[in-house]
Amino acid sequence: MMPPFCVVCRVPYQHSGFDYEDFTLVGFRPVRTYPDDWAGHPEHCEWFCPSHLPLTEGLTHLPAAEALTHIRANLRDRESRDRESYDDGCRDSTLPGGRTAGAAEEAPDRAGGLHPEAHPPGGSGPIPVPAGLVLLVGPPASGKTSFVRALIAHGRIDEDAVVSSDEIRAELLEAPPTTADFDTDSDEADARIFGERDRRIVARLAAGRTAVAESTNVTPQARARLIAVARRFDVPVTMLRFAPDLDLLLRQNAERGRTDTTAEDVRTYAAVMARHARPGQLRAEGANAVHDVPGRAQGATPAEAAARFSFARRFEASGGGVRPD
């Protein structure tokens, strides 16, 4: 039997953000029979992660190949609706209540409803980021590290607020930072690294302080793990997207001069980002707000991008409102 490997997202369970026992082996209608002494993975059984298991409902009477065709079609339809909804919101000149588009962003609150999140009209001031958990979402070489360094240098966040999986890897393994989240030869190391990352984020949130998760976070499974941590403390989740086009990503990766992340690695992460980290999907997963971070393609330096955001640093750990420093 094959180990858990979600047939939809195609990410090994070790890097999915879920535990082995969280996966479900779903049996569809078999199309062949097996002798009693047969060993292997039956063709009618597929693994599903918790995020995609609901998609199998009502389809187990079909052969696996046919069921997967329906599942992928349903996913494309859902992503298309999310994208259209997001695009429509960007194009409309007027939002409910008479607000001008761009003057406020409709974001789900903790109860699941919608509330207008403050957003400076016309870029006249920094975008406020509430105290809580901040997820950076982007492939390697997309500018995440340069962005957080600029935030720290200009005093917009505390240095301790940033929890970087790359830096934790260097600390624990005494090895250069790497972004090889898909390297199945380092399963034990990854378990240590991401376990320590989660511990540090929990410690920050438990102390009522904002935590910034600096890792790629391009898969739904990786984000679900962090969103679950935030929900334990009833704090908002803000996701900041870094989405340069592929040519720019490859150029920026080459400029870094690092040997641990290949061009193929960058292409793989960029493809996952394109499929699984659109703004509408991030909101559907539970993000209270989603913002794209400008970069070189928009003519913005890391310092200029950092200046477009204002971070609240502390909140009442009991679940109350934001507490100013």
Protein backbone atom coordinates (compact mmCIF):
# COMPACT_ATOMS: atom_id res chain seq x y z
CA MET A 1 0.00 0.00 0.00
CA MET A 2 1.32 3.43 -0.92
CA PRO A 3 1.91 5.88 1.97
CA PRO A 4 -0.47 8.87 2.25
CA PHE A 5 -0.09 11.16 -0.76
CA CYS A 6 -3.18 13.22 -1.53
CA VAL A 7 -4.19 12.49 -5.10
CA VAL A 8 -5.51 16.06 -5.50
CA CYS A 9 -2.75 18.28 -4.16
CA ARG A 10 0.08 15.82 -4.89
CA VAL A 11 2.13 16.75 -1.83
CA PRO A 12 3.74 14.01 0.33
CA TYR A 13 2.13 13.82 3.75
CA GLN A 14 5.43 14.71 5.44
CA HIS A 15 5.23 18.19 3.90
CA SER A 16 1.47 18.63 3.90
CA GLY A 17 0.95 20.12 7.35
CA PHE A 18 -1.16 17.10 8.35
CA ASP A 19 -0.21 14.00 10.30
CA TYR A 20 -0.16 10.51 8.78
CA GLU A 21 -3.40 9.55 10.53
CA ASP A 22 -5.21 12.63 9.20
CA PHE A 23 -5.32 11.14 5.69
CA THR A 24 -8.16 8.90 4.48
CA LEU A 25 -7.89 6.07 1.98
CA VAL A 26 -11.06 6.22 -0.11
CA GLY A 27 -12.25 3.16 -2.00
CA PHE A 28 -14.03 3.78 -5.30
CA ARG A 29 -15.75 1.15 -7.46
CA PRO A 30 -13.16 -1.47 -8.43
CA VAL A 31 -12.76 -2.32 -12.09
CA ARG A 32 -10.59 -5.40 -11.61
CA THR A 33 -10.24 -8.27 -9.15
CA TYR A 34 -7.13 -9.38 -7.30
CA PRO A 35 -5.94 -12.85 -6.24
CA ASP A 36 -5.87 -13.58 -2.52
CA ASP A 37 -2.07 -13.42 -2.37
CA TRP A 38 -1.83 -10.10 -4.25
CA ALA A 39 0.11 -7.28 -2.58
CA GLY A 40 0.28 -3.64 -3.59
CA HIS A 41 -1.90 -0.56 -3.92
CA PRO A 42 -5.31 -1.36 -5.46
CA GLU A 43 -6.25 0.76 -8.45
CA HIS A 44 -9.60 1.80 -6.96
CA CYS A 45 -8.17 3.31 -3.75
CA GLU A 46 -6.81 6.84 -3.44
CA TRP A 47 -5.50 8.88 -0.51
CA PHE A 48 -7.14 12.22 0.35
CA CYS A 49 -6.02 14.90 2.78
CA PRO A 50 -8.63 16.49 5.12
CA SER A 51 -8.95 19.51 2.83
CA HIS A 52 -9.95 17.44 -0.20
CA LEU A 53 -11.74 14.50 1.39
CA PRO A 54 -15.17 16.25 1.20
CA LEU A 55 -14.83 16.30 -2.59
CA THR A 56 -15.31 12.53 -2.69
CA GLU A 57 -18.83 12.69 -1.26
CA GLY A 58 -21.32 11.02 -3.58
CA LEU A 59 -18.65 9.75 -5.98
CA THR A 60 -17.48 6.46 -4.46
CA HIS A 61 -19.86 4.48 -6.68
CA LEU A 62 -17.74 5.53 -9.68
CA PRO A 63 -14.42 4.04 -10.80
CA ALA A 64 -11.48 6.00 -9.40
CA ALA A 65 -10.47 7.55 -12.74
CA GLU A 66 -14.00 8.81 -13.41
CA ALA A 67 -14.41 10.11 -9.87
CA LEU A 68 -11.14 12.02 -10.10
CA THR A 69 -12.27 13.61 -13.35
CA HIS A 70 -15.37 14.92 -11.54
CA ILE A 71 -13.31 16.10 -8.57
CA ARG A 72 -10.85 18.04 -10.70
CA ALA A 73 -13.67 19.59 -12.74
CA ASN A 74 -15.38 20.68 -9.51
CA LEU A 75 -12.13 22.19 -8.25
CA ARG A 76 -11.64 24.13 -11.49
CA ASP A 77 -15.19 25.44 -11.27
CA ARG A 78 -14.71 26.50 -7.66
CA GLU A 79 -11.41 28.23 -8.40
CA SER A 80 -12.99 29.97 -11.38
CA ARG A 81 -15.86 31.25 -9.21
CA ASP A 82 -13.41 32.46 -6.57
CA ARG A 83 -11.31 34.23 -9.19
CA GLU A 84 -14.32 35.84 -10.84
CA SER A 85 -15.64 36.98 -7.49
CA TYR A 86 -12.29 38.55 -6.63
CA ASP A 87 -11.90 40.17 -10.04
CA ASP A 88 -15.46 41.53 -9.93
CA GLY A 89 -14.75 43.08 -6.55
CA CYS A 90 -11.65 44.77 -7.95
CA ARG A 91 -13.47 46.08 -11.02
CA ASP A 92 -16.59 47.40 -9.37
CA SER A 93 -16.42 51.11 -8.66
CA THR A 94 -18.85 50.89 -5.76
CA LEU A 95 -19.09 48.35 -2.96
CA PRO A 96 -22.11 47.68 -0.71
CA GLY A 97 -22.79 50.65 1.52
CA GLY A 98 -21.55 53.11 -1.09
CA ARG A 99 -17.84 52.57 -0.47
CA THR A 100 -15.50 53.16 -3.35
CA ALA A 101 -13.60 50.11 -4.52
CA GLY A 102 -10.14 50.14 -2.98
CA ALA A 103 -11.26 52.29 -0.08
CA ALA A 104 -12.12 49.23 2.03
CA GLU A 105 -11.68 45.51 1.74
CA GLU A 106 -14.44 43.13 2.69
CA ALA A 107 -12.85 40.48 4.89
CA PRO A 108 -14.42 37.69 6.95
CA ASP A 109 -14.43 38.40 10.67
CA ARG A 110 -13.91 35.79 13.38
CA ALA A 111 -17.57 34.89 13.39
CA GLY A 112 -17.44 34.19 9.67
CA GLY A 113 -19.38 37.27 8.54
CA LEU A 114 -18.08 40.23 6.60
CA HIS A 115 -16.83 43.51 7.94
CA PRO A 116 -15.09 46.37 6.17
CA GLU A 117 -11.37 46.27 6.88
CA ALA A 118 -9.67 49.63 6.89
CA HIS A 119 -7.76 50.18 3.66
CA PRO A 120 -6.37 53.55 2.73
CA PRO A 121 -8.11 55.03 -0.34
CA GLY A 122 -5.86 55.45 -3.32
CA GLY A 123 -2.82 54.21 -1.43
CA SER A 124 -2.79 57.37 0.73
CA GLY A 125 -1.49 55.56 3.79
CA PRO A 126 -0.22 52.22 5.04
CA ILE A 127 -2.52 49.22 5.04
CA PRO A 128 -3.22 48.24 8.67
CA VAL A 129 -2.44 44.62 9.57
CA PRO A 130 -4.16 43.56 12.81
CA ALA A 131 -2.25 41.86 15.59
CA GLY A 132 -2.39 38.09 15.24
CA LEU A 133 -0.86 35.65 12.76
CA VAL A 134 0.62 36.88 9.48
CA LEU A 135 1.40 34.31 6.77
CA LEU A 136 3.76 35.14 3.95
CA VAL A 137 2.73 33.19 0.86
CA GLY A 138 5.08 32.90 -2.08
CA PRO A 139 7.61 30.74 -3.93
CA PRO A 140 11.35 30.88 -3.24
CA ALA A 141 12.98 34.09 -4.55
CA SER A 142 9.66 35.98 -4.52
CA GLY A 143 10.96 38.62 -2.10
CA LYS A 144 9.64 37.43 1.28
CA THR A 145 12.93 37.64 3.16
CA SER A 146 13.86 41.03 1.69
CA PHE A 147 10.42 42.29 2.70
CA VAL A 148 10.65 41.18 6.34
CA ARG A 149 14.20 42.52 6.61
CA ALA A 150 12.91 45.89 5.44
CA LEU A 151 10.05 45.72 7.96
CA ILE A 152 12.54 45.08 10.75
CA ALA A 153 15.02 47.71 9.57
CA HIS A 154 12.31 50.39 9.55
CA GLY A 155 10.88 49.37 12.90
CA ARG A 156 7.54 48.17 11.55
CA ILE A 157 7.79 44.80 13.29
CA ASP A 158 9.98 43.34 16.01
CA GLU A 159 12.77 41.08 14.82
CA ASP A 160 11.49 38.33 17.13
CA ALA A 161 8.09 38.46 15.43
CA VAL A 162 9.46 36.74 12.32
CA VAL A 163 9.48 32.94 12.54
CA SER A 164 11.47 31.69 9.56
CA SER A 165 11.64 28.00 8.67
CA ASP A 166 14.86 28.64 6.76
CA GLU A 167 16.51 30.20 9.80
CA ILE A 168 15.26 27.42 12.08
CA ARG A 169 16.74 24.88 9.67
CA ALA A 170 20.10 26.64 9.90
CA GLU A 171 19.91 26.75 13.70
CA LEU A 172 18.88 23.14 14.24
CA LEU A 173 20.92 21.47 11.54
CA GLU A 174 23.85 23.88 11.34
CA ALA A 175 23.31 23.86 7.61
CA PRO A 176 22.65 26.67 5.12
CA PRO A 177 18.99 27.71 4.86
CA THR A 178 17.11 25.77 2.21
CA THR A 179 13.66 25.81 0.75
CA ALA A 180 13.58 22.12 -0.20
CA ASP A 181 10.23 21.49 1.49
CA PHE A 182 9.53 18.69 -1.00
CA ASP A 183 12.77 16.76 -0.33
CA THR A 184 11.56 13.38 0.90
CA ASP A 185 15.08 12.47 2.06
CA SER A 186 14.84 15.03 4.89
CA ASP A 187 11.55 13.94 6.47
CA GLU A 188 12.93 13.71 9.99
CA ALA A 189 14.68 17.06 9.67
CA ASP A 190 11.54 18.74 8.32
CA ALA A 191 9.50 17.36 11.21
CA ARG A 192 11.94 18.95 13.66
CA ILE A 193 12.05 22.24 11.77
CA PHE A 194 8.33 22.76 11.33
CA GLY A 195 7.61 21.46 14.83
CA GLU A 196 9.96 24.10 16.22
CA ARG A 197 8.39 26.74 13.96
CA ASP A 198 4.94 25.90 15.31
CA ARG A 199 6.25 26.01 18.89
CA ARG A 200 7.65 29.51 18.40
CA ILE A 201 4.46 30.77 16.79
CA VAL A 202 2.38 29.34 19.64
CA ALA A 203 4.69 31.02 22.17
CA ARG A 204 4.25 34.42 20.47
CA LEU A 205 0.49 34.15 20.23
CA ALA A 206 0.19 32.87 23.80
CA ALA A 207 2.07 35.99 24.91
CA GLY A 208 -0.32 38.23 22.97
CA ARG A 209 2.20 39.18 20.29
CA THR A 210 2.00 39.13 16.50
CA ALA A 211 3.79 36.27 14.74
CA VAL A 212 4.93 36.40 11.11
CA ALA A 213 5.32 32.95 9.52
CA GLU A 214 8.05 33.24 6.91
CA SER A 215 7.96 30.11 4.79
CA THR A 216 6.60 29.38 1.33
CA ASN A 217 3.07 28.42 2.51
CA VAL A 218 1.97 27.77 -1.08
CA THR A 219 -0.06 24.61 -0.33
CA PRO A 220 -3.45 24.54 1.39
CA GLN A 221 -2.14 21.92 3.81
CA ALA A 222 0.73 24.09 5.02
CA ARG A 223 -1.64 27.01 5.55
CA ALA A 224 -4.28 24.86 7.27
CA ARG A 225 -1.74 23.85 9.90
CA LEU A 226 -1.00 27.49 10.72
CA ILE A 227 -4.61 28.65 10.53
CA ALA A 228 -5.48 25.98 13.09
CA VAL A 229 -2.86 27.44 15.44
CA ALA A 230 -4.35 30.93 15.03
CA ARG A 231 -7.86 29.66 15.73
CA ARG A 232 -6.67 28.23 19.04
CA PHE A 233 -5.99 31.78 20.15
CA ASP A 234 -8.94 33.39 18.34
CA VAL A 235 -6.69 35.80 16.44
CA PRO A 236 -7.07 37.06 12.89
CA VAL A 237 -5.03 35.62 10.04
CA THR A 238 -3.57 38.01 7.46
CA MET A 239 -1.99 36.55 4.34
CA LEU A 240 0.52 38.55 2.31
CA ARG A 241 1.00 37.19 -1.21
CA PHE A 242 4.26 37.42 -3.19
CA ALA A 243 3.45 36.54 -6.79
CA PRO A 244 6.00 37.75 -9.36
CA ASP A 245 5.74 36.17 -12.80
CA LEU A 246 7.90 33.12 -13.46
CA ASP A 247 10.55 34.93 -15.52
CA LEU A 248 11.12 37.42 -12.73
CA LEU A 249 11.20 34.66 -10.12
CA LEU A 250 13.87 32.78 -12.07
CA ARG A 251 15.92 35.95 -12.51
CA GLN A 252 15.69 36.81 -8.82
CA ASN A 253 16.63 33.26 -7.86
CA ALA A 254 19.72 33.42 -10.08
CA GLU A 255 20.70 36.77 -8.54
CA ARG A 256 20.62 35.28 -5.04
CA GLY A 257 23.53 33.02 -5.95
CA ARG A 258 22.21 30.17 -3.78
CA THR A 259 22.78 26.59 -4.81
CA ASP A 260 20.12 24.99 -2.58
CA THR A 261 17.18 26.15 -4.72
CA THR A 262 17.25 25.22 -8.39
CA ALA A 263 15.33 26.75 -11.25
CA GLU A 264 13.19 23.60 -11.31
CA ASP A 265 12.40 24.08 -7.61
CA VAL A 266 11.23 27.60 -8.35
CA ARG A 267 9.06 26.42 -11.24
CA THR A 268 7.47 23.75 -9.04
CA TYR A 269 6.62 26.17 -6.24
CA ALA A 270 5.34 28.78 -8.71
CA ALA A 271 3.02 26.21 -10.29
CA VAL A 272 1.64 25.19 -6.89
CA MET A 273 1.17 28.86 -5.99
CA ALA A 274 -0.76 29.49 -9.20
CA ARG A 275 -3.08 26.55 -8.56
CA HIS A 276 -3.58 26.75 -4.83
CA ALA A 277 -2.92 30.28 -3.54
CA ARG A 278 -5.24 32.64 -5.37
CA PRO A 279 -6.77 35.40 -3.21
CA GLY A 280 -10.26 33.88 -3.30
CA GLN A 281 -8.96 30.50 -2.18
CA LEU A 282 -6.97 32.03 0.68
CA ARG A 283 -10.09 33.79 1.93
CA ALA A 284 -12.11 30.58 1.61
CA GLU A 285 -9.53 28.79 3.74
CA GLY A 286 -9.99 31.26 6.57
CA ALA A 287 -7.79 34.29 5.91
CA ASN A 288 -9.32 37.42 7.42
CA ALA A 289 -7.48 39.58 4.91
CA VAL A 290 -5.33 38.98 1.83
CA HIS A 291 -2.95 41.56 0.37
CA ASP A 292 -0.54 41.37 -2.56
CA VAL A 293 2.89 42.75 -1.70
CA PRO A 294 4.35 44.90 -4.49
CA GLY A 295 7.79 44.11 -5.81
CA ARG A 296 10.14 44.75 -8.67
CA ALA A 297 7.44 44.23 -11.29
CA GLN A 298 5.51 47.13 -9.73
CA GLY A 299 8.62 49.29 -9.40
CA ALA A 300 8.71 48.91 -5.60
CA THR A 301 11.82 48.28 -3.53
CA PRO A 302 11.56 46.13 -0.38
CA ALA A 303 11.64 49.31 1.72
CA GLU A 304 8.83 50.85 -0.32
CA ALA A 305 6.78 47.66 -0.06
CA ALA A 306 7.33 47.55 3.69
CA ALA A 307 6.18 51.15 4.03
CA ARG A 308 2.78 50.22 2.60
CA PHE A 309 1.87 48.18 5.70
CA SER A 310 1.40 49.07 9.35
CA PHE A 311 1.48 46.17 11.81
CA ALA A 312 -0.21 46.06 15.21
CA ARG A 313 2.17 44.22 17.50
CA ARG A 314 0.18 43.13 20.54
CA PHE A 315 -3.28 41.91 21.46
CA GLU A 316 -5.00 40.72 24.61
CA ALA A 317 -3.96 37.08 24.92
CA SER A 318 -7.35 36.26 26.44
CA GLY A 319 -8.95 37.03 23.08
CA GLY A 320 -9.76 40.69 23.67
CA GLY A 321 -9.05 43.61 21.40
CA VAL A 322 -5.71 44.88 20.23
CA ARG A 323 -3.58 46.30 23.00
CA PRO A 324 -1.28 49.16 21.89
CA ASP A 325 2.41 49.06 22.84
